[in-house]
Protein backbone atom coordinates (compact mmCIF):
# COMPACT_ATOMS: atom_id res chain seq x y z
CA UNK A 1 -2.01 31.78 -7.67
CA UNK A 2 1.18 30.13 -6.52
CA UNK A 3 1.00 26.65 -5.05
CA UNK A 4 4.67 26.39 -4.18
CA UNK A 5 6.03 23.32 -2.40
CA UNK A 6 9.40 24.10 -0.78
CA UNK A 7 11.63 22.18 1.60
CA UNK A 8 15.27 22.95 2.34
CA UNK A 9 17.89 20.27 1.78
CA UNK A 10 19.09 21.15 5.29
CA UNK A 11 15.87 19.67 6.73
CA UNK A 12 16.23 16.07 7.93
CA UNK A 13 14.36 13.28 6.17
CA UNK A 14 11.10 12.73 8.01
CA UNK A 15 10.66 9.47 9.92
CA UNK A 16 7.68 7.61 11.36
CA UNK A 17 4.92 9.15 9.25
CA UNK A 18 1.84 7.19 8.30
CA UNK A 19 1.23 6.36 4.65
CA UNK A 20 -1.61 8.87 4.63
CA UNK A 21 0.59 11.63 6.05
CA UNK A 22 3.33 10.93 3.48
CA UNK A 23 1.12 10.77 0.38
CA UNK A 24 -2.16 12.58 1.09
CA UNK A 25 -0.97 15.77 2.76
CA UNK A 26 -1.01 19.26 1.24
CA UNK A 27 2.19 18.50 -0.72
CA UNK A 28 0.52 15.47 -2.42
CA UNK A 29 3.55 13.27 -1.72
CA UNK A 30 6.14 15.54 -3.34
CA UNK A 31 8.18 15.81 -0.14
CA UNK A 32 8.21 12.01 0.07
CA UNK A 33 9.39 11.73 -3.56
CA UNK A 34 12.14 14.26 -2.85
CA UNK A 35 13.21 12.37 0.29
CA UNK A 36 13.33 9.11 -1.69
CA UNK A 37 15.61 10.89 -4.18
CA UNK A 38 17.90 12.00 -1.36
CA UNK A 39 18.11 8.43 -0.06
CA UNK A 40 18.68 7.08 -3.58
CA UNK A 41 21.63 9.46 -3.99
CA UNK A 42 23.34 7.77 -1.04
CA UNK A 43 22.59 4.31 -2.41
CA UNK A 44 23.56 5.05 -6.02
CA UNK A 45 26.17 7.84 -6.26
CA UNK A 46 26.66 7.23 -10.01
CA UNK A 47 22.97 7.90 -10.66
CA UNK A 48 23.14 11.03 -8.51
CA UNK A 49 26.15 12.26 -10.49
CA UNK A 50 24.29 11.72 -13.77
CA UNK A 51 21.39 13.79 -12.41
CA UNK A 52 23.78 16.55 -11.26
CA UNK A 53 25.18 16.65 -14.81
CA UNK A 54 21.67 17.42 -16.06
CA UNK A 55 20.61 13.98 -17.23
CA UNK A 56 17.01 12.93 -16.71
CA UNK A 57 17.52 9.23 -15.92
CA UNK A 58 14.62 6.81 -15.84
CA UNK A 59 13.24 6.67 -12.30
CA UNK A 60 10.02 5.24 -10.89
CA UNK A 61 7.89 8.23 -12.03
CA UNK A 62 7.13 9.38 -15.55
CA UNK A 63 9.63 11.96 -16.79
CA UNK A 64 12.97 10.25 -17.34
CA UNK A 65 14.39 9.60 -20.79
CA UNK A 66 16.65 6.84 -22.04
CA UNK A 67 16.59 7.90 -25.69
CA UNK A 68 15.46 10.79 -27.84
CA UNK A 69 11.96 10.49 -29.30
CA UNK A 70 10.14 12.67 -31.82
CA UNK A 71 7.03 13.25 -29.71
CA UNK A 72 6.76 15.89 -27.03
CA UNK A 73 7.46 14.35 -23.62
CA UNK A 74 5.67 15.15 -20.38
CA UNK A 75 6.54 14.15 -16.85
CA UNK A 76 5.10 14.34 -13.37
CA UNK A 77 6.07 16.68 -10.58
CA UNK A 78 6.73 13.49 -8.57
CA UNK A 79 9.63 12.75 -10.95
CA UNK A 80 10.87 16.33 -10.70
CA UNK A 81 10.81 16.18 -6.89
CA UNK A 82 12.71 12.87 -6.81
CA UNK A 83 15.24 14.24 -9.32
CA UNK A 84 15.81 17.35 -7.18
CA UNK A 85 16.48 15.15 -4.15
CA UNK A 86 18.82 12.96 -6.20
CA UNK A 87 20.77 16.08 -7.20
CA UNK A 88 21.01 17.33 -3.61
CA UNK A 89 18.82 20.37 -4.23
CA UNK A 90 16.10 22.01 -2.19
CA UNK A 91 12.61 20.90 -3.15
CA UNK A 92 11.09 23.89 -4.94
CA UNK A 93 8.08 23.28 -7.20
CA UNK A 94 5.23 25.62 -8.06
CA UNK A 95 2.28 23.38 -8.89
CA UNK A 96 0.67 26.14 -10.96
CA UNK A 97 3.61 26.44 -13.36
CA UNK A 98 4.85 23.85 -15.87
CA UNK A 99 8.63 23.41 -15.92
CA UNK A 100 10.73 22.33 -18.89
CA UNK A 101 14.09 20.61 -18.56
CA UNK A 102 16.41 19.41 -21.30
CA UNK A 103 18.28 16.16 -20.69
CA UNK A 104 21.99 16.79 -21.12
CA UNK A 105 22.57 13.30 -22.53
CA UNK A 106 19.67 12.84 -24.96
CA UNK A 107 18.83 16.53 -25.51
CA UNK A 108 15.17 15.57 -25.08
CA UNK A 109 13.01 18.32 -23.59
CA UNK A 110 10.56 17.16 -20.92
CA UNK A 111 7.72 19.32 -19.64
CA UNK A 112 6.86 18.61 -16.02
CA UNK A 113 3.25 19.42 -15.21
CA UNK A 114 0.46 18.80 -12.75
CA UNK A 115 -1.92 18.30 -15.71
CA UNK A 116 -2.33 14.53 -15.62
CA UNK A 117 -4.14 14.56 -18.98
CA UNK A 118 -0.83 15.59 -20.58
CA UNK A 119 1.56 13.17 -18.87
CA UNK A 120 -0.80 10.18 -18.98
CA UNK A 121 -0.69 10.15 -22.77
CA UNK A 122 1.39 7.34 -24.25
């Protein structure tokens, strides 16, 4: 069953929401993460350009890479949402489906998942 979270980049960034509304709604904070990414793109255009080139820079959520490691890497959908906003993309995440991305700089493959047992591992 699909649990798709979608929001068009054409939608304005929401203002005046309570903390509970931003983080505990049906989207589990993914829209907020995506909006933070959009704002970050305006504050740090170089970082946004790196993300548009396919890099997975280190952000505040687990999923970014600064070097290639041997172990399999997992990341959160929060990272993926922020990265999409940073790139200027629509937010489009299906919570029921893992998504793999390969960092264009390090060539490290990161699997983004809602399974916190996988991404909480060291």
